[in-house]
PDB file of all heavy atoms in Angstrom:
ATOM      1  N   ALA A   1       0.690 -21.180  -4.511  1.00  0.00           N
ATOM      2  CA  ALA A   1      -0.667 -21.602  -4.071  1.00  0.00           C
ATOM      3  C   ALA A   1      -0.611 -22.328  -2.741  1.00  0.00           C
ATOM      4  O   ALA A   1      -1.670 -22.387  -2.049  1.00  0.00           O
ATOM      5  CB  ALA A   1      -1.274 -22.508  -5.139  1.00  0.00           C
ATOM      6  N   ASP A   2       0.536 -22.834  -2.301  1.00  0.00           N
ATOM      7  CA  ASP A   2       0.592 -23.525  -1.066  1.00  0.00           C
ATOM      8  C   ASP A   2       0.951 -22.679   0.148  1.00  0.00           C
ATOM      9  O   ASP A   2       0.944 -23.150   1.257  1.00  0.00           O
ATOM     10  CB  ASP A   2       1.758 -24.639  -1.166  1.00  0.00           C
ATOM     11  CG  ASP A   2       1.384 -25.718  -2.177  1.00  0.00           C
ATOM     12  OD1 ASP A   2       0.177 -25.905  -2.474  1.00  0.00           O
ATOM     13  OD2 ASP A   2       2.344 -26.375  -2.661  1.00  0.00           O
ATOM     14  N   LEU A   3       1.250 -21.403  -0.103  1.00  0.00           N
ATOM     15  CA  LEU A   3       1.586 -20.469   0.956  1.00  0.00           C
ATOM     16  C   LEU A   3       0.311 -20.067   1.733  1.00  0.00           C
ATOM     17  O   LEU A   3      -0.765 -20.015   1.158  1.00  0.00           O
ATOM     18  CB  LEU A   3       2.252 -19.233   0.417  1.00  0.00           C
ATOM     19  CG  LEU A   3       3.602 -19.400  -0.272  1.00  0.00           C
ATOM     20  CD1 LEU A   3       3.965 -18.091  -0.939  1.00  0.00           C
ATOM     21  CD2 LEU A   3       4.632 -19.872   0.692  1.00  0.00           C
ATOM     22  N   PRO A   4       0.437 -19.868   3.030  1.00  0.00           N
ATOM     23  CA  PRO A   4      -0.711 -19.426   3.821  1.00  0.00           C
ATOM     24  C   PRO A   4      -1.228 -18.019   3.362  1.00  0.00           C
ATOM     25  O   PRO A   4      -0.434 -17.217   2.940  1.00  0.00           O
ATOM     26  CB  PRO A   4      -0.219 -19.370   5.277  1.00  0.00           C
ATOM     27  CG  PRO A   4       1.259 -19.464   5.183  1.00  0.00           C
ATOM     28  CD  PRO A   4       1.625 -19.967   3.848  1.00  0.00           C
ATOM     29  N   THR A   5      -2.463 -17.808   3.545  1.00  0.00           N
ATOM     30  CA  THR A   5      -3.052 -16.462   3.070  1.00  0.00           C
ATOM     31  C   THR A   5      -3.870 -15.922   4.271  1.00  0.00           C
ATOM     32  O   THR A   5      -4.264 -16.624   5.197  1.00  0.00           O
ATOM     33  CB  THR A   5      -3.962 -16.642   1.885  1.00  0.00           C
ATOM     34  OG1 THR A   5      -5.038 -17.550   2.191  1.00  0.00           O
ATOM     35  CG2 THR A   5      -3.200 -17.097   0.634  1.00  0.00           C
ATOM     36  N   LYS A   6      -4.086 -14.616   4.197  1.00  0.00           N
ATOM     37  CA  LYS A   6      -4.914 -13.890   5.121  1.00  0.00           C
ATOM     38  C   LYS A   6      -5.709 -12.851   4.343  1.00  0.00           C
ATOM     39  O   LYS A   6      -5.442 -12.598   3.204  1.00  0.00           O
ATOM     40  CB  LYS A   6      -4.032 -13.102   6.154  1.00  0.00           C
ATOM     41  CG  LYS A   6      -3.398 -13.929   7.162  1.00  0.00           C
ATOM     42  CD  LYS A   6      -2.744 -13.033   8.191  1.00  0.00           C
ATOM     43  CE  LYS A   6      -2.146 -13.854   9.328  1.00  0.00           C
ATOM     44  NZ  LYS A   6      -1.515 -12.980  10.302  1.00  0.00           N
ATOM     45  N   THR A   7      -6.737 -12.299   4.987  1.00  0.00           N
ATOM     46  CA  THR A   7      -7.525 -11.254   4.374  1.00  0.00           C
ATOM     47  C   THR A   7      -7.156  -9.916   5.015  1.00  0.00           C
ATOM     48  O   THR A   7      -7.037  -9.830   6.251  1.00  0.00           O
ATOM     49  CB  THR A   7      -8.992 -11.505   4.588  1.00  0.00           C
ATOM     50  OG1 THR A   7      -9.317 -12.765   4.114  1.00  0.00           O
ATOM     51  CG2 THR A   7      -9.902 -10.466   3.915  1.00  0.00           C
ATOM     52  N   CYS A   8      -6.917  -8.888   4.164  1.00  0.00           N
ATOM     53  CA  CYS A   8      -6.499  -7.594   4.642  1.00  0.00           C
ATOM     54  C   CYS A   8      -7.645  -7.004   5.429  1.00  0.00           C
ATOM     55  O   CYS A   8      -8.837  -6.954   5.008  1.00  0.00           O
ATOM     56  CB  CYS A   8      -6.143  -6.722   3.440  1.00  0.00           C
ATOM     57  SG  CYS A   8      -5.661  -5.070   3.940  1.00  0.00           S
ATOM     58  N   VAL A   9      -7.340  -6.372   6.600  1.00  0.00           N
ATOM     59  CA  VAL A   9      -8.382  -5.749   7.461  1.00  0.00           C
ATOM     60  C   VAL A   9      -8.897  -4.504   6.775  1.00  0.00           C
ATOM     61  O   VAL A   9     -10.047  -4.177   6.926  1.00  0.00           O
ATOM     62  CB  VAL A   9      -7.733  -5.400   8.816  1.00  0.00           C
ATOM     63  CG1 VAL A   9      -8.695  -4.657   9.664  1.00  0.00           C
ATOM     64  CG2 VAL A   9      -7.281  -6.676   9.535  1.00  0.00           C
ATOM     65  N   SER A  10      -8.077  -3.787   6.014  1.00  0.00           N
ATOM     66  CA  SER A  10      -8.481  -2.527   5.471  1.00  0.00           C
ATOM     67  C   SER A  10      -9.263  -2.669   4.157  1.00  0.00           C
ATOM     68  O   SER A  10     -10.343  -2.193   4.016  1.00  0.00           O
ATOM     69  CB  SER A  10      -7.231  -1.668   5.161  1.00  0.00           C
ATOM     70  OG  SER A  10      -7.567  -0.418   4.592  1.00  0.00           O
ATOM     71  N   CYS A  11      -8.708  -3.410   3.138  1.00  0.00           N
ATOM     72  CA  CYS A  11      -9.340  -3.553   1.848  1.00  0.00           C
ATOM     73  C   CYS A  11     -10.128  -4.819   1.685  1.00  0.00           C
ATOM     74  O   CYS A  11     -10.950  -4.877   0.717  1.00  0.00           O
ATOM     75  CB  CYS A  11      -8.297  -3.414   0.762  1.00  0.00           C
ATOM     76  SG  CYS A  11      -7.137  -4.803   0.626  1.00  0.00           S
ATOM     77  N   GLY A  12      -9.929  -5.817   2.538  1.00  0.00           N
ATOM     78  CA  GLY A  12     -10.698  -7.067   2.411  1.00  0.00           C
ATOM     79  C   GLY A  12     -10.145  -8.018   1.338  1.00  0.00           C
ATOM     80  O   GLY A  12     -10.789  -9.075   1.154  1.00  0.00           O
ATOM     81  N   LEU A  13      -9.085  -7.740   0.663  1.00  0.00           N
ATOM     82  CA  LEU A  13      -8.570  -8.608  -0.344  1.00  0.00           C
ATOM     83  C   LEU A  13      -7.613  -9.650   0.310  1.00  0.00           C
ATOM     84  O   LEU A  13      -6.884  -9.366   1.324  1.00  0.00           O
ATOM     85  CB  LEU A  13      -7.819  -7.839  -1.397  1.00  0.00           C
ATOM     86  CG  LEU A  13      -8.725  -6.885  -2.240  1.00  0.00           C
ATOM     87  CD1 LEU A  13      -7.777  -6.107  -3.160  1.00  0.00           C
ATOM     88  CD2 LEU A  13      -9.735  -7.673  -3.003  1.00  0.00           C
ATOM     89  N   PRO A  14      -7.543 -10.857  -0.250  1.00  0.00           N
ATOM     90  CA  PRO A  14      -6.584 -11.830   0.296  1.00  0.00           C
ATOM     91  C   PRO A  14      -5.165 -11.500  -0.159  1.00  0.00           C
ATOM     92  O   PRO A  14      -4.912 -10.974  -1.166  1.00  0.00           O
ATOM     93  CB  PRO A  14      -7.070 -13.128  -0.366  1.00  0.00           C
ATOM     94  CG  PRO A  14      -7.766 -12.754  -1.583  1.00  0.00           C
ATOM     95  CD  PRO A  14      -8.351 -11.410  -1.345  1.00  0.00           C
ATOM     96  N   PHE A  15      -4.199 -11.844   0.743  1.00  0.00           N
ATOM     97  CA  PHE A  15      -2.792 -11.713   0.395  1.00  0.00           C
ATOM     98  C   PHE A  15      -2.050 -12.903   1.015  1.00  0.00           C
ATOM     99  O   PHE A  15      -2.468 -13.542   1.972  1.00  0.00           O
ATOM    100  CB  PHE A  15      -2.247 -10.349   0.960  1.00  0.00           C
ATOM    101  CG  PHE A  15      -2.309 -10.212   2.467  1.00  0.00           C
ATOM    102  CD1 PHE A  15      -1.156 -10.489   3.212  1.00  0.00           C
ATOM    103  CD2 PHE A  15      -3.385  -9.756   3.082  1.00  0.00           C
ATOM    104  CE1 PHE A  15      -1.168 -10.331   4.594  1.00  0.00           C
ATOM    105  CE2 PHE A  15      -3.422  -9.568   4.443  1.00  0.00           C
ATOM    106  CZ  PHE A  15      -2.314  -9.844   5.203  1.00  0.00           C
ATOM    107  N   ALA A  16      -0.877 -13.222   0.375  1.00  0.00           N
ATOM    108  CA  ALA A  16      -0.079 -14.393   0.680  1.00  0.00           C
ATOM    109  C   ALA A  16       1.081 -14.056   1.587  1.00  0.00           C
ATOM    110  O   ALA A  16       1.535 -12.924   1.668  1.00  0.00           O
ATOM    111  CB  ALA A  16       0.365 -15.126  -0.555  1.00  0.00           C
ATOM    112  N   TRP A  17       1.581 -15.099   2.271  1.00  0.00           N
ATOM    113  CA  TRP A  17       2.756 -14.993   3.054  1.00  0.00           C
ATOM    114  C   TRP A  17       3.900 -14.491   2.364  1.00  0.00           C
ATOM    115  O   TRP A  17       4.075 -14.845   1.171  1.00  0.00           O
ATOM    116  CB  TRP A  17       3.024 -16.387   3.631  1.00  0.00           C
ATOM    117  CG  TRP A  17       4.180 -16.553   4.589  1.00  0.00           C
ATOM    118  CD1 TRP A  17       4.118 -16.391   5.951  1.00  0.00           C
ATOM    119  CD2 TRP A  17       5.529 -16.837   4.291  1.00  0.00           C
ATOM    120  NE1 TRP A  17       5.359 -16.645   6.432  1.00  0.00           N
ATOM    121  CE2 TRP A  17       6.255 -16.894   5.441  1.00  0.00           C
ATOM    122  CE3 TRP A  17       6.206 -17.103   3.053  1.00  0.00           C
ATOM    123  CZ2 TRP A  17       7.624 -17.232   5.475  1.00  0.00           C
ATOM    124  CZ3 TRP A  17       7.540 -17.381   3.078  1.00  0.00           C
ATOM    125  CH2 TRP A  17       8.204 -17.438   4.331  1.00  0.00           C
ATOM    126  N   ARG A  18       4.738 -13.685   2.968  1.00  0.00           N
ATOM    127  CA  ARG A  18       6.005 -13.222   2.382  1.00  0.00           C
ATOM    128  C   ARG A  18       7.176 -13.560   3.300  1.00  0.00           C
ATOM    129  O   ARG A  18       7.015 -13.536   4.471  1.00  0.00           O
ATOM    130  CB  ARG A  18       5.978 -11.749   2.131  1.00  0.00           C
ATOM    131  CG  ARG A  18       4.992 -11.285   1.089  1.00  0.00           C
ATOM    132  CD  ARG A  18       5.119  -9.771   0.880  1.00  0.00           C
ATOM    133  NE  ARG A  18       4.138  -9.307  -0.004  1.00  0.00           N
ATOM    134  CZ  ARG A  18       3.952  -8.036  -0.383  1.00  0.00           C
ATOM    135  NH1 ARG A  18       4.751  -7.139   0.160  1.00  0.00           N
ATOM    136  NH2 ARG A  18       2.991  -7.667  -1.158  1.00  0.00           N
ATOM    137  N   LYS A  19       8.337 -13.723   2.696  1.00  0.00           N
ATOM    138  CA  LYS A  19       9.518 -14.031   3.490  1.00  0.00           C
ATOM    139  C   LYS A  19       9.774 -12.997   4.518  1.00  0.00           C
ATOM    140  O   LYS A  19      10.192 -13.318   5.669  1.00  0.00           O
ATOM    141  CB  LYS A  19      10.697 -14.191   2.546  1.00  0.00           C
ATOM    142  CG  LYS A  19      12.054 -14.511   3.239  1.00  0.00           C
ATOM    143  CD  LYS A  19      12.084 -15.898   3.773  1.00  0.00           C
ATOM    144  CE  LYS A  19      13.463 -16.202   4.387  1.00  0.00           C
ATOM    145  NZ  LYS A  19      13.519 -17.368   5.130  1.00  0.00           N
ATOM    146  N   LYS A  20       9.579 -11.753   4.218  1.00  0.00           N
ATOM    147  CA  LYS A  20       9.922 -10.675   5.164  1.00  0.00           C
ATOM    148  C   LYS A  20       8.939 -10.650   6.349  1.00  0.00           C
ATOM    149  O   LYS A  20       9.170 -10.077   7.400  1.00  0.00           O
ATOM    150  CB  LYS A  20       9.904  -9.286   4.510  1.00  0.00           C
ATOM    151  CG  LYS A  20       8.566  -8.787   4.041  1.00  0.00           C
ATOM    152  CD  LYS A  20       8.736  -7.395   3.433  1.00  0.00           C
ATOM    153  CE  LYS A  20       7.381  -6.812   3.030  1.00  0.00           C
ATOM    154  NZ  LYS A  20       7.538  -5.490   2.492  1.00  0.00           N
ATOM    155  N   TRP A  21       7.830 -11.396   6.244  1.00  0.00           N
ATOM    156  CA  TRP A  21       6.863 -11.507   7.388  1.00  0.00           C
ATOM    157  C   TRP A  21       7.052 -12.735   8.139  1.00  0.00           C
ATOM    158  O   TRP A  21       6.224 -13.125   8.994  1.00  0.00           O
ATOM    159  CB  TRP A  21       5.451 -11.427   6.856  1.00  0.00           C
ATOM    160  CG  TRP A  21       5.011 -10.135   6.226  1.00  0.00           C
ATOM    161  CD1 TRP A  21       5.497  -8.893   6.590  1.00  0.00           C
ATOM    162  CD2 TRP A  21       4.049  -9.926   5.206  1.00  0.00           C
ATOM    163  NE1 TRP A  21       4.815  -7.872   5.812  1.00  0.00           N
ATOM    164  CE2 TRP A  21       3.975  -8.565   4.975  1.00  0.00           C
ATOM    165  CE3 TRP A  21       3.217 -10.765   4.480  1.00  0.00           C
ATOM    166  CZ2 TRP A  21       3.130  -8.013   4.049  1.00  0.00           C
ATOM    167  CZ3 TRP A  21       2.412 -10.227   3.511  1.00  0.00           C
ATOM    168  CH2 TRP A  21       2.314  -8.884   3.342  1.00  0.00           C
ATOM    169  N   GLU A  22       8.114 -13.435   7.885  1.00  0.00           N
ATOM    170  CA  GLU A  22       8.289 -14.832   8.479  1.00  0.00           C
ATOM    171  C   GLU A  22       8.187 -14.803  10.037  1.00  0.00           C
ATOM    172  O   GLU A  22       7.566 -15.660  10.615  1.00  0.00           O
ATOM    173  CB  GLU A  22       9.662 -15.351   8.050  1.00  0.00           C
ATOM    174  CG  GLU A  22      10.013 -16.731   8.501  1.00  0.00           C
ATOM    175  CD  GLU A  22      11.259 -17.240   7.874  1.00  0.00           C
ATOM    176  OE1 GLU A  22      12.178 -16.445   7.554  1.00  0.00           O
ATOM    177  OE2 GLU A  22      11.363 -18.490   7.885  1.00  0.00           O
ATOM    178  N   ARG A  23       8.879 -13.881  10.661  1.00  0.00           N
ATOM    179  CA  ARG A  23       8.905 -13.837  12.131  1.00  0.00           C
ATOM    180  C   ARG A  23       7.586 -13.314  12.757  1.00  0.00           C
ATOM    181  O   ARG A  23       7.194 -13.692  13.857  1.00  0.00           O
ATOM    182  CB  ARG A  23      10.103 -12.994  12.653  1.00  0.00           C
ATOM    183  CG  ARG A  23      11.378 -13.767  12.565  1.00  0.00           C
ATOM    184  CD  ARG A  23      12.506 -12.993  13.142  1.00  0.00           C
ATOM    185  NE  ARG A  23      13.265 -12.478  12.016  1.00  0.00           N
ATOM    186  CZ  ARG A  23      13.762 -11.256  11.944  1.00  0.00           C
ATOM    187  NH1 ARG A  23      13.650 -10.426  12.949  1.00  0.00           N
ATOM    188  NH2 ARG A  23      14.441 -10.855  10.847  1.00  0.00           N
ATOM    189  N   ASP A  24       6.920 -12.385  12.044  1.00  0.00           N
ATOM    190  CA  ASP A  24       5.662 -11.820  12.699  1.00  0.00           C
ATOM    191  C   ASP A  24       4.398 -12.101  11.800  1.00  0.00           C
ATOM    192  O   ASP A  24       3.527 -11.248  11.769  1.00  0.00           O
ATOM    193  CB  ASP A  24       5.744 -10.346  12.921  1.00  0.00           C
ATOM    194  CG  ASP A  24       6.961  -9.634  12.344  1.00  0.00           C
ATOM    195  OD1 ASP A  24       7.976  -9.917  12.886  1.00  0.00           O
ATOM    196  OD2 ASP A  24       6.776  -8.867  11.437  1.00  0.00           O
ATOM    197  N   TRP A  25       4.257 -13.204  11.245  1.00  0.00           N
ATOM    198  CA  TRP A  25       3.114 -13.536  10.394  1.00  0.00           C
ATOM    199  C   TRP A  25       1.811 -13.432  11.240  1.00  0.00           C
ATOM    200  O   TRP A  25       0.771 -13.014  10.724  1.00  0.00           O
ATOM    201  CB  TRP A  25       3.262 -14.864   9.780  1.00  0.00           C
ATOM    202  CG  TRP A  25       2.070 -15.276   8.984  1.00  0.00           C
ATOM    203  CD1 TRP A  25       1.264 -16.418   9.213  1.00  0.00           C
ATOM    204  CD2 TRP A  25       1.574 -14.758   7.758  1.00  0.00           C
ATOM    205  NE1 TRP A  25       0.297 -16.473   8.253  1.00  0.00           N
ATOM    206  CE2 TRP A  25       0.460 -15.455   7.364  1.00  0.00           C
ATOM    207  CE3 TRP A  25       1.932 -13.633   7.048  1.00  0.00           C
ATOM    208  CZ2 TRP A  25      -0.296 -15.186   6.218  1.00  0.00           C
ATOM    209  CZ3 TRP A  25       1.172 -13.336   5.880  1.00  0.00           C
ATOM    210  CH2 TRP A  25       0.024 -14.045   5.506  1.00  0.00           C
ATOM    211  N   ASP A  26       1.899 -13.791  12.527  1.00  0.00           N
ATOM    212  CA  ASP A  26       0.680 -13.737  13.364  1.00  0.00           C
ATOM    213  C   ASP A  26       0.200 -12.344  13.572  1.00  0.00           C
ATOM    214  O   ASP A  26      -1.010 -12.048  13.823  1.00  0.00           O
ATOM    215  CB  ASP A  26       0.935 -14.390  14.689  1.00  0.00           C
ATOM    216  CG  ASP A  26       1.201 -15.898  14.560  1.00  0.00           C
ATOM    217  OD1 ASP A  26       0.694 -16.518  13.553  1.00  0.00           O
ATOM    218  OD2 ASP A  26       1.926 -16.490  15.423  1.00  0.00           O
ATOM    219  N   GLN A  27       1.105 -11.344  13.540  1.00  0.00           N
ATOM    220  CA  GLN A  27       0.730  -9.958  13.748  1.00  0.00           C
ATOM    221  C   GLN A  27       0.349  -9.163  12.532  1.00  0.00           C
ATOM    222  O   GLN A  27      -0.155  -8.099  12.604  1.00  0.00           O
ATOM    223  CB  GLN A  27       1.853  -9.189  14.467  1.00  0.00           C
ATOM    224  CG  GLN A  27       1.998  -9.616  15.914  1.00  0.00           C
ATOM    225  CD  GLN A  27       2.826 -10.909  16.105  1.00  0.00           C
ATOM    226  OE1 GLN A  27       3.745 -11.154  15.285  1.00  0.00           O
ATOM    227  NE2 GLN A  27       2.508 -11.682  17.107  1.00  0.00           N
ATOM    228  N   VAL A  28       0.651  -9.728  11.318  1.00  0.00           N
ATOM    229  CA  VAL A  28       0.383  -9.055  10.104  1.00  0.00           C
ATOM    230  C   VAL A  28      -1.107  -8.920   9.840  1.00  0.00           C
ATOM    231  O   VAL A  28      -1.791  -9.949   9.910  1.00  0.00           O
ATOM    232  CB  VAL A  28       1.061  -9.721   8.893  1.00  0.00           C
ATOM    233  CG1 VAL A  28       0.731  -9.090   7.587  1.00  0.00           C
ATOM    234  CG2 VAL A  28       2.549  -9.761   9.042  1.00  0.00           C
ATOM    235  N   LYS A  29      -1.661  -7.716   9.584  1.00  0.00           N
ATOM    236  CA  LYS A  29      -3.050  -7.510   9.360  1.00  0.00           C
ATOM    237  C   LYS A  29      -3.385  -6.855   8.026  1.00  0.00           C
ATOM    238  O   LYS A  29      -4.474  -6.948   7.525  1.00  0.00           O
ATOM    239  CB  LYS A  29      -3.637  -6.653  10.463  1.00  0.00           C
ATOM    240  CG  LYS A  29      -3.551  -7.290  11.843  1.00  0.00           C
ATOM    241  CD  LYS A  29      -4.084  -6.283  12.914  1.00  0.00           C
ATOM    242  CE  LYS A  29      -3.871  -6.887  14.302  1.00  0.00           C
ATOM    243  NZ  LYS A  29      -4.030  -5.924  15.302  1.00  0.00           N
ATOM    244  N   PHE A  30      -2.402  -6.170   7.517  1.00  0.00           N
ATOM    245  CA  PHE A  30      -2.632  -5.433   6.244  1.00  0.00           C
ATOM    246  C   PHE A  30      -1.767  -5.933   5.152  1.00  0.00           C
ATOM    247  O   PHE A  30      -0.651  -6.406   5.331  1.00  0.00           O
ATOM    248  CB  PHE A  30      -2.269  -3.895   6.526  1.00  0.00           C
ATOM    249  CG  PHE A  30      -3.037  -3.258   7.604  1.00  0.00           C
ATOM    250  CD1 PHE A  30      -2.517  -3.122   8.864  1.00  0.00           C
ATOM    251  CD2 PHE A  30      -4.416  -2.954   7.470  1.00  0.00           C
ATOM    252  CE1 PHE A  30      -3.183  -2.551   9.906  1.00  0.00           C
ATOM    253  CE2 PHE A  30      -5.176  -2.432   8.474  1.00  0.00           C
ATOM    254  CZ  PHE A  30      -4.580  -2.212   9.691  1.00  0.00           C
ATOM    255  N   CYS A  31      -2.250  -5.790   3.866  1.00  0.00           N
ATOM    256  CA  CYS A  31      -1.494  -6.298   2.703  1.00  0.00           C
ATOM    257  C   CYS A  31      -0.362  -5.394   2.235  1.00  0.00           C
ATOM    258  O   CYS A  31       0.522  -5.838   1.538  1.00  0.00           O
ATOM    259  CB  CYS A  31      -2.475  -6.656   1.630  1.00  0.00           C
ATOM    260  SG  CYS A  31      -3.361  -5.199   0.967  1.00  0.00           S
ATOM    261  N   SER A  32      -0.486  -4.094   2.582  1.00  0.00           N
ATOM    262  CA  SER A  32       0.504  -3.137   2.087  1.00  0.00           C
ATOM    263  C   SER A  32       0.611  -1.938   3.022  1.00  0.00           C
ATOM    264  O   SER A  32      -0.197  -1.759   3.957  1.00  0.00           O
ATOM    265  CB  SER A  32       0.056  -2.656   0.693  1.00  0.00           C
ATOM    266  OG  SER A  32      -1.147  -1.922   0.775  1.00  0.00           O
ATOM    267  N   ASP A  33       1.631  -1.107   2.776  1.00  0.00           N
ATOM    268  CA  ASP A  33       1.721   0.142   3.592  1.00  0.00           C
ATOM    269  C   ASP A  33       0.583   1.071   3.312  1.00  0.00           C
ATOM    270  O   ASP A  33       0.099   1.763   4.258  1.00  0.00           O
ATOM    271  CB  ASP A  33       3.051   0.848   3.195  1.00  0.00           C
ATOM    272  CG  ASP A  33       4.243   0.132   3.663  1.00  0.00           C
ATOM    273  OD1 ASP A  33       4.186  -0.614   4.662  1.00  0.00           O
ATOM    274  OD2 ASP A  33       5.342   0.345   3.070  1.00  0.00           O
ATOM    275  N   ARG A  34       0.056   1.084   2.121  1.00  0.00           N
ATOM    276  CA  ARG A  34      -1.079   1.940   1.792  1.00  0.00           C
ATOM    277  C   ARG A  34      -2.339   1.511   2.621  1.00  0.00           C
ATOM    278  O   ARG A  34      -2.963   2.389   3.212  1.00  0.00           O
ATOM    279  CB  ARG A  34      -1.403   1.825   0.285  1.00  0.00           C
ATOM    280  CG  ARG A  34      -2.526   2.699  -0.153  1.00  0.00           C
ATOM    281  CD  ARG A  34      -2.751   2.629  -1.634  1.00  0.00           C
ATOM    282  NE  ARG A  34      -3.885   3.376  -2.009  1.00  0.00           N
ATOM    283  CZ  ARG A  34      -4.316   3.498  -3.215  1.00  0.00           C
ATOM    284  NH1 ARG A  34      -3.760   2.820  -4.238  1.00  0.00           N
ATOM    285  NH2 ARG A  34      -5.351   4.234  -3.549  1.00  0.00           N
ATOM    286  N   CYS A  35      -2.578   0.237   2.699  1.00  0.00           N
ATOM    287  CA  CYS A  35      -3.696  -0.246   3.512  1.00  0.00           C
ATOM    288  C   CYS A  35      -3.460  -0.026   4.987  1.00  0.00           C
ATOM    289  O   CYS A  35      -4.394   0.305   5.736  1.00  0.00           O
ATOM    290  CB  CYS A  35      -3.940  -1.697   3.274  1.00  0.00           C
ATOM    291  SG  CYS A  35      -4.828  -1.994   1.703  1.00  0.00           S
ATOM    292  N   ARG A  36      -2.285  -0.115   5.460  1.00  0.00           N
ATOM    293  CA  ARG A  36      -1.917   0.076   6.870  1.00  0.00           C
ATOM    294  C   ARG A  36      -2.160   1.495   7.246  1.00  0.00           C
ATOM    295  O   ARG A  36      -2.788   1.841   8.270  1.00  0.00           O
ATOM    296  CB  ARG A  36      -0.472  -0.271   7.132  1.00  0.00           C
ATOM    297  CG  ARG A  36      -0.138  -0.185   8.637  1.00  0.00           C
ATOM    298  CD  ARG A  36       1.286  -0.644   8.974  1.00  0.00           C
ATOM    299  NE  ARG A  36       2.211  -0.075   8.019  1.00  0.00           N
ATOM    300  CZ  ARG A  36       3.361  -0.582   7.734  1.00  0.00           C
ATOM    301  NH1 ARG A  36       3.774  -1.680   8.321  1.00  0.00           N
ATOM    302  NH2 ARG A  36       4.185  -0.059   6.840  1.00  0.00           N
ATOM    303  N   SER A  37      -1.749   2.493   6.372  1.00  0.00           N
ATOM    304  CA  SER A  37      -2.024   3.904   6.707  1.00  0.00           C
ATOM    305  C   SER A  37      -3.476   4.270   6.662  1.00  0.00           C
ATOM    306  O   SER A  37      -4.005   4.944   7.399  1.00  0.00           O
ATOM    307  CB  SER A  37      -1.162   4.811   5.797  1.00  0.00           C
ATOM    308  OG  SER A  37      -1.528   4.643   4.489  1.00  0.00           O
ATOM    309  N   ALA A  38      -4.175   3.674   5.668  1.00  0.00           N
ATOM    310  CA  ALA A  38      -5.660   3.874   5.561  1.00  0.00           C
ATOM    311  C   ALA A  38      -6.384   3.251   6.681  1.00  0.00           C
ATOM    312  O   ALA A  38      -7.364   3.767   7.227  1.00  0.00           O
ATOM    313  CB  ALA A  38      -6.120   3.374   4.171  1.00  0.00           C
ATOM    314  N   GLY A  39      -5.929   2.046   7.141  1.00  0.00           N
ATOM    315  CA  GLY A  39      -6.593   1.363   8.297  1.00  0.00           C
ATOM    316  C   GLY A  39      -6.379   2.120   9.532  1.00  0.00           C
ATOM    317  O   GLY A  39      -7.256   2.112  10.392  1.00  0.00           O
ATOM    318  N   ALA A  40      -5.199   2.749   9.755  1.00  0.00           N
ATOM    319  CA  ALA A  40      -4.914   3.486  10.999  1.00  0.00           C
ATOM    320  C   ALA A  40      -5.906   4.732  11.025  1.00  0.00           C
ATOM    321  O   ALA A  40      -6.340   5.114  12.068  1.00  0.00           O
ATOM    322  CB  ALA A  40      -3.496   3.901  10.989  1.00  0.00           C
ATOM    323  N   LYS A  41      -6.181   5.315   9.923  1.00  0.00           N
ATOM    324  CA  LYS A  41      -7.065   6.452   9.896  1.00  0.00           C
ATOM    325  C   LYS A  41      -8.543   6.069  10.130  1.00  0.00           C
ATOM    326  O   LYS A  41      -9.333   6.837  10.662  1.00  0.00           O
ATOM    327  CB  LYS A  41      -6.948   7.168   8.528  1.00  0.00           C
ATOM    328  CG  LYS A  41      -5.667   7.881   8.348  1.00  0.00           C
ATOM    329  CD  LYS A  41      -5.546   8.477   6.963  1.00  0.00           C
ATOM    330  CE  LYS A  41      -4.150   9.017   6.735  1.00  0.00           C
ATOM    331  NZ  LYS A  41      -3.939   9.504   5.347  1.00  0.00           N
ATOM    332  N   GLN A  42      -8.903   4.889   9.685  1.00  0.00           N
ATOM    333  CA  GLN A  42     -10.313   4.436   9.849  1.00  0.00           C
ATOM    334  C   GLN A  42     -10.564   4.078  11.302  1.00  0.00           C
ATOM    335  O   GLN A  42     -11.698   4.271  11.812  1.00  0.00           O
ATOM    336  CB  GLN A  42     -10.601   3.205   9.002  1.00  0.00           C
ATOM    337  CG  GLN A  42     -10.637   3.503   7.463  1.00  0.00           C
ATOM    338  CD  GLN A  42     -10.807   2.215   6.685  1.00  0.00           C
ATOM    339  OE1 GLN A  42     -10.793   1.105   7.196  1.00  0.00           O
ATOM    340  NE2 GLN A  42     -10.965   2.406   5.390  1.00  0.00           N
ATOM    341  N   ALA A  43      -9.591   3.523  12.028  1.00  0.00           N
ATOM    342  CA  ALA A  43      -9.788   3.049  13.388  1.00  0.00           C
ATOM    343  C   ALA A  43      -9.742   4.133  14.366  1.00  0.00           C
ATOM    344  O   ALA A  43      -9.721   5.227  14.230  1.00  0.00           O
ATOM    345  CB  ALA A  43      -8.746   1.971  13.736  1.00  0.00           C
TER     346      ALA A  43
END
């Protein structure tokens, strides 16, 4: 509950910080690979 959260650009759902995103948390926009591929098709 103390981890930072963001809202996914594609699906609009909130998602929490993950260790693998530690270095590029500022650039993370999508909650999953599925949303990232769907978001790329929408834009």
